[in-house]
C-alpha atoms as a PDB file:
ATOM      1  CA  UNK A   1     -40.594  31.237 -23.241  1.00  0.00           C
ATOM      2  CA  UNK A   2     -38.490  33.766 -25.180  1.00  0.00           C
ATOM      3  CA  UNK A   3     -34.665  34.068 -25.504  1.00  0.00           C
ATOM      4  CA  UNK A   4     -34.224  36.965 -23.268  1.00  0.00           C
ATOM      5  CA  UNK A   5     -36.079  35.416 -20.512  1.00  0.00           C
ATOM      6  CA  UNK A   6     -34.324  32.002 -21.020  1.00  0.00           C
ATOM      7  CA  UNK A   7     -30.835  34.014 -20.647  1.00  0.00           C
ATOM      8  CA  UNK A   8     -32.076  35.905 -17.647  1.00  0.00           C
ATOM      9  CA  UNK A   9     -32.612  32.768 -15.928  1.00  0.00           C
ATOM     10  CA  UNK A  10     -29.705  30.796 -17.044  1.00  0.00           C
ATOM     11  CA  UNK A  11     -27.660  33.681 -15.482  1.00  0.00           C
ATOM     12  CA  UNK A  12     -29.567  33.510 -12.113  1.00  0.00           C
ATOM     13  CA  UNK A  13     -28.878  29.701 -12.151  1.00  0.00           C
ATOM     14  CA  UNK A  14     -25.374  30.026 -12.854  1.00  0.00           C
ATOM     15  CA  UNK A  15     -24.825  32.614 -10.029  1.00  0.00           C
ATOM     16  CA  UNK A  16     -26.670  30.096  -7.592  1.00  0.00           C
ATOM     17  CA  UNK A  17     -24.687  26.932  -8.631  1.00  0.00           C
ATOM     18  CA  UNK A  18     -21.130  27.879  -7.244  1.00  0.00           C
ATOM     19  CA  UNK A  19     -22.715  28.775  -3.641  1.00  0.00           C
ATOM     20  CA  UNK A  20     -24.302  25.000  -3.775  1.00  0.00           C
ATOM     21  CA  UNK A  21     -20.934  23.459  -4.581  1.00  0.00           C
ATOM     22  CA  UNK A  22     -18.820  25.477  -2.359  1.00  0.00           C
ATOM     23  CA  UNK A  23     -20.964  24.042   0.736  1.00  0.00           C
ATOM     24  CA  UNK A  24     -19.684  20.430   0.027  1.00  0.00           C
ATOM     25  CA  UNK A  25     -17.862  18.591   2.859  1.00  0.00           C
ATOM     26  CA  UNK A  26     -14.570  17.652   2.300  1.00  0.00           C
ATOM     27  CA  UNK A  27     -14.436  20.187  -0.959  1.00  0.00           C
ATOM     28  CA  UNK A  28     -10.524  20.923  -0.172  1.00  0.00           C
ATOM     29  CA  UNK A  29      -9.649  16.974  -1.218  1.00  0.00           C
ATOM     30  CA  UNK A  30      -9.167  16.306  -4.941  1.00  0.00           C
ATOM     31  CA  UNK A  31      -7.504  13.008  -6.295  1.00  0.00           C
ATOM     32  CA  UNK A  32      -6.879  12.333 -10.039  1.00  0.00           C
ATOM     33  CA  UNK A  33      -4.640   9.932 -11.692  1.00  0.00           C
ATOM     34  CA  UNK A  34      -3.569  10.896 -15.153  1.00  0.00           C
ATOM     35  CA  UNK A  35      -2.125   8.406 -18.004  1.00  0.00           C
ATOM     36  CA  UNK A  36       1.124   8.923 -19.538  1.00  0.00           C
ATOM     37  CA  UNK A  37       0.925  10.238 -23.115  1.00  0.00           C
ATOM     38  CA  UNK A  38       2.843  10.993 -26.144  1.00  0.00           C
ATOM     39  CA  UNK A  39       4.792  14.373 -26.591  1.00  0.00           C
ATOM     40  CA  UNK A  40       2.880  14.742 -29.961  1.00  0.00           C
ATOM     41  CA  UNK A  41      -0.734  15.118 -28.755  1.00  0.00           C
ATOM     42  CA  UNK A  42      -2.515  18.165 -28.523  1.00  0.00           C
ATOM     43  CA  UNK A  43      -0.196  20.513 -26.061  1.00  0.00           C
ATOM     44  CA  UNK A  44      -3.632  21.926 -24.476  1.00  0.00           C
ATOM     45  CA  UNK A  45      -4.514  18.468 -23.565  1.00  0.00           C
ATOM     46  CA  UNK A  46      -1.341  17.412 -21.975  1.00  0.00           C
ATOM     47  CA  UNK A  47       1.338  18.558 -19.187  1.00  0.00           C
ATOM     48  CA  UNK A  48       5.087  17.870 -18.743  1.00  0.00           C
ATOM     49  CA  UNK A  49       6.407  16.242 -15.499  1.00  0.00           C
ATOM     50  CA  UNK A  50      10.162  15.710 -14.681  1.00  0.00           C
ATOM     51  CA  UNK A  51      10.352  12.142 -13.181  1.00  0.00           C
ATOM     52  CA  UNK A  52      13.534  10.939 -12.155  1.00  0.00           C
ATOM     53  CA  UNK A  53      15.386  13.454 -14.553  1.00  0.00           C
ATOM     54  CA  UNK A  54      13.414  12.684 -17.343  1.00  0.00           C
ATOM     55  CA  UNK A  55      10.475  14.646 -18.987  1.00  0.00           C
ATOM     56  CA  UNK A  56       7.291  12.833 -19.241  1.00  0.00           C
ATOM     57  CA  UNK A  57       4.278  13.713 -20.488  1.00  0.00           C
ATOM     58  CA  UNK A  58       0.595  13.306 -19.062  1.00  0.00           C
ATOM     59  CA  UNK A  59      -3.238  13.693 -20.232  1.00  0.00           C
ATOM     60  CA  UNK A  60      -4.615  16.650 -18.568  1.00  0.00           C
ATOM     61  CA  UNK A  61      -8.059  14.428 -18.331  1.00  0.00           C
ATOM     62  CA  UNK A  62      -7.526  12.016 -15.263  1.00  0.00           C
ATOM     63  CA  UNK A  63      -8.715   8.761 -15.860  1.00  0.00           C
ATOM     64  CA  UNK A  64      -9.982   8.692 -12.453  1.00  0.00           C
ATOM     65  CA  UNK A  65     -10.852  11.019  -9.790  1.00  0.00           C
ATOM     66  CA  UNK A  66     -12.357  11.486  -6.672  1.00  0.00           C
ATOM     67  CA  UNK A  67     -15.843  10.569  -8.014  1.00  0.00           C
ATOM     68  CA  UNK A  68     -14.657   7.206  -8.817  1.00  0.00           C
ATOM     69  CA  UNK A  69     -13.629   6.644  -5.279  1.00  0.00           C
ATOM     70  CA  UNK A  70     -15.938   4.715  -2.712  1.00  0.00           C
ATOM     71  CA  UNK A  71     -13.414   3.990   0.428  1.00  0.00           C
ATOM     72  CA  UNK A  72      -9.839   4.415   1.218  1.00  0.00           C
ATOM     73  CA  UNK A  73      -7.625   3.500   3.757  1.00  0.00           C
ATOM     74  CA  UNK A  74      -4.561   5.544   4.605  1.00  0.00           C
ATOM     75  CA  UNK A  75      -1.364   4.420   6.032  1.00  0.00           C
ATOM     76  CA  UNK A  76       1.934   6.179   7.025  1.00  0.00           C
ATOM     77  CA  UNK A  77       4.430   5.996   4.242  1.00  0.00           C
ATOM     78  CA  UNK A  78       7.888   4.393   4.146  1.00  0.00           C
ATOM     79  CA  UNK A  79       9.624   7.613   4.654  1.00  0.00           C
ATOM     80  CA  UNK A  80       7.700   8.215   8.101  1.00  0.00           C
ATOM     81  CA  UNK A  81       6.929  11.856   7.085  1.00  0.00           C
ATOM     82  CA  UNK A  82       3.776  11.392   5.227  1.00  0.00           C
ATOM     83  CA  UNK A  83       0.793   9.107   4.355  1.00  0.00           C
ATOM     84  CA  UNK A  84      -0.194   6.946   1.538  1.00  0.00           C
ATOM     85  CA  UNK A  85      -3.792   5.818   0.847  1.00  0.00           C
ATOM     86  CA  UNK A  86      -5.250   3.028  -0.781  1.00  0.00           C
ATOM     87  CA  UNK A  87      -8.576   3.764  -2.713  1.00  0.00           C
ATOM     88  CA  UNK A  88     -11.008   1.535  -3.843  1.00  0.00           C
ATOM     89  CA  UNK A  89     -12.931   2.096  -6.932  1.00  0.00           C
ATOM     90  CA  UNK A  90     -16.428   2.193  -7.945  1.00  0.00           C
ATOM     91  CA  UNK A  91     -17.416  -1.229 -10.241  1.00  0.00           C
ATOM     92  CA  UNK A  92     -17.401   0.917 -13.408  1.00  0.00           C
ATOM     93  CA  UNK A  93     -13.966   2.543 -12.185  1.00  0.00           C
ATOM     94  CA  UNK A  94     -12.392  -1.108 -11.550  1.00  0.00           C
ATOM     95  CA  UNK A  95     -13.378  -2.063 -15.182  1.00  0.00           C
ATOM     96  CA  UNK A  96     -11.715   0.919 -16.742  1.00  0.00           C
ATOM     97  CA  UNK A  97      -8.796   0.399 -14.138  1.00  0.00           C
ATOM     98  CA  UNK A  98      -8.605  -3.356 -15.620  1.00  0.00           C
ATOM     99  CA  UNK A  99      -8.880  -2.260 -19.291  1.00  0.00           C
ATOM    100  CA  UNK A 100      -6.650   1.131 -18.815  1.00  0.00           C
ATOM    101  CA  UNK A 101      -3.735  -0.956 -17.010  1.00  0.00           C
ATOM    102  CA  UNK A 102      -4.137  -3.988 -19.669  1.00  0.00           C
ATOM    103  CA  UNK A 103      -3.914  -1.893 -22.851  1.00  0.00           C
ATOM    104  CA  UNK A 104      -1.036   0.568 -21.441  1.00  0.00           C
ATOM    105  CA  UNK A 105       2.047  -1.575 -19.613  1.00  0.00           C
ATOM    106  CA  UNK A 106       5.158   0.139 -19.827  1.00  0.00           C
ATOM    107  CA  UNK A 107       3.644   3.792 -19.260  1.00  0.00           C
ATOM    108  CA  UNK A 108       3.190   5.573 -16.201  1.00  0.00           C
ATOM    109  CA  UNK A 109      -0.049   6.674 -14.038  1.00  0.00           C
ATOM    110  CA  UNK A 110       0.614   9.649 -11.699  1.00  0.00           C
ATOM    111  CA  UNK A 111      -1.552  10.315  -8.825  1.00  0.00           C
ATOM    112  CA  UNK A 112      -2.542  14.307  -8.379  1.00  0.00           C
ATOM    113  CA  UNK A 113      -3.872  15.312  -5.074  1.00  0.00           C
ATOM    114  CA  UNK A 114      -4.919  18.854  -4.839  1.00  0.00           C
ATOM    115  CA  UNK A 115      -3.444  19.506  -8.054  1.00  0.00           C
ATOM    116  CA  UNK A 116       0.027  18.535  -6.850  1.00  0.00           C
ATOM    117  CA  UNK A 117       1.779  15.159  -8.121  1.00  0.00           C
ATOM    118  CA  UNK A 118       2.390  13.216  -5.474  1.00  0.00           C
ATOM    119  CA  UNK A 119       3.366   9.604  -6.856  1.00  0.00           C
ATOM    120  CA  UNK A 120       3.601   7.452  -9.610  1.00  0.00           C
ATOM    121  CA  UNK A 121       3.984   3.913 -11.044  1.00  0.00           C
ATOM    122  CA  UNK A 122       4.894   2.246 -13.862  1.00  0.00           C
ATOM    123  CA  UNK A 123       1.937  -0.031 -15.214  1.00  0.00           C
ATOM    124  CA  UNK A 124       3.641  -3.658 -15.322  1.00  0.00           C
ATOM    125  CA  UNK A 125       0.435  -5.920 -15.378  1.00  0.00           C
ATOM    126  CA  UNK A 126      -3.373  -5.853 -15.163  1.00  0.00           C
ATOM    127  CA  UNK A 127      -4.976  -4.476 -12.001  1.00  0.00           C
ATOM    128  CA  UNK A 128      -8.125  -6.330 -11.337  1.00  0.00           C
ATOM    129  CA  UNK A 129      -8.998  -5.726  -8.207  1.00  0.00           C
ATOM    130  CA  UNK A 130     -10.179  -2.220  -8.515  1.00  0.00           C
ATOM    131  CA  UNK A 131      -7.781  -0.704  -5.974  1.00  0.00           C
ATOM    132  CA  UNK A 132      -5.180   2.461  -6.746  1.00  0.00           C
ATOM    133  CA  UNK A 133      -2.650   2.896  -4.120  1.00  0.00           C
ATOM    134  CA  UNK A 134      -0.577   6.357  -3.590  1.00  0.00           C
ATOM    135  CA  UNK A 135       2.366   5.186  -1.907  1.00  0.00           C
ATOM    136  CA  UNK A 136       3.433   8.650  -0.356  1.00  0.00           C
ATOM    137  CA  UNK A 137       2.940  12.451  -0.522  1.00  0.00           C
ATOM    138  CA  UNK A 138      -0.731  12.588   1.163  1.00  0.00           C
ATOM    139  CA  UNK A 139      -0.558  15.308   4.517  1.00  0.00           C
ATOM    140  CA  UNK A 140      -2.319  14.272   7.227  1.00  0.00           C
ATOM    141  CA  UNK A 141      -4.858  17.389   6.823  1.00  0.00           C
ATOM    142  CA  UNK A 142      -5.745  15.717   3.365  1.00  0.00           C
ATOM    143  CA  UNK A 143      -6.862  12.387   5.126  1.00  0.00           C
ATOM    144  CA  UNK A 144      -9.197  14.556   7.675  1.00  0.00           C
ATOM    145  CA  UNK A 145     -10.980  16.215   4.514  1.00  0.00           C
ATOM    146  CA  UNK A 146     -11.214  13.053   2.490  1.00  0.00           C
ATOM    147  CA  UNK A 147     -12.805  11.328   5.564  1.00  0.00           C
ATOM    148  CA  UNK A 148     -15.749  13.928   4.951  1.00  0.00           C
ATOM    149  CA  UNK A 149     -16.098  12.236   1.457  1.00  0.00           C
ATOM    150  CA  UNK A 150     -15.840   8.715   1.748  1.00  0.00           C
ATOM    151  CA  UNK A 151     -15.883   5.917   4.250  1.00  0.00           C
ATOM    152  CA  UNK A 152     -12.387   4.107   5.137  1.00  0.00           C
ATOM    153  CA  UNK A 153     -12.402   0.614   3.475  1.00  0.00           C
ATOM    154  CA  UNK A 154     -14.405  -1.579   5.490  1.00  0.00           C
ATOM    155  CA  UNK A 155     -16.480   0.896   7.458  1.00  0.00           C
ATOM    156  CA  UNK A 156     -20.183   1.015   7.302  1.00  0.00           C
ATOM    157  CA  UNK A 157     -21.041   4.028   4.656  1.00  0.00           C
ATOM    158  CA  UNK A 158     -24.074   5.040   6.594  1.00  0.00           C
ATOM    159  CA  UNK A 159     -21.661   6.002   9.633  1.00  0.00           C
ATOM    160  CA  UNK A 160     -20.518   9.102   7.436  1.00  0.00           C
END
């Protein structure tokens, strides 16, 4: 196959792929967890977040994202205005979580939902159970979208 024909095929494939991706259920629910990093890292690879009146810097590349989650369980947050969610990670994600929390105590891990930072915690111990919690900032509509992507903790995956 010549170079020109390969380019044509590649262009056709690239024009089709976005339509497949757009058909996914729950496409409006993205969750990511970002680890605090040093201000001196590559500026293109970090973002600034004002937390408690202090500038903190986080890696743009998430440590965990929607693809790492196998199940979830929402709950009404303490402020009674929005929700929190308990996320259960895959085995590989649980192992990464244990290693990351062991090596980065004292740093923050923030949660972003649909690109909006909603919560954060300071890592104070190693997390061995493979569970991440977002304590608040989740809207009811976002929970409904997540229901399309993953089962609730304790539910049969085949029911979805």
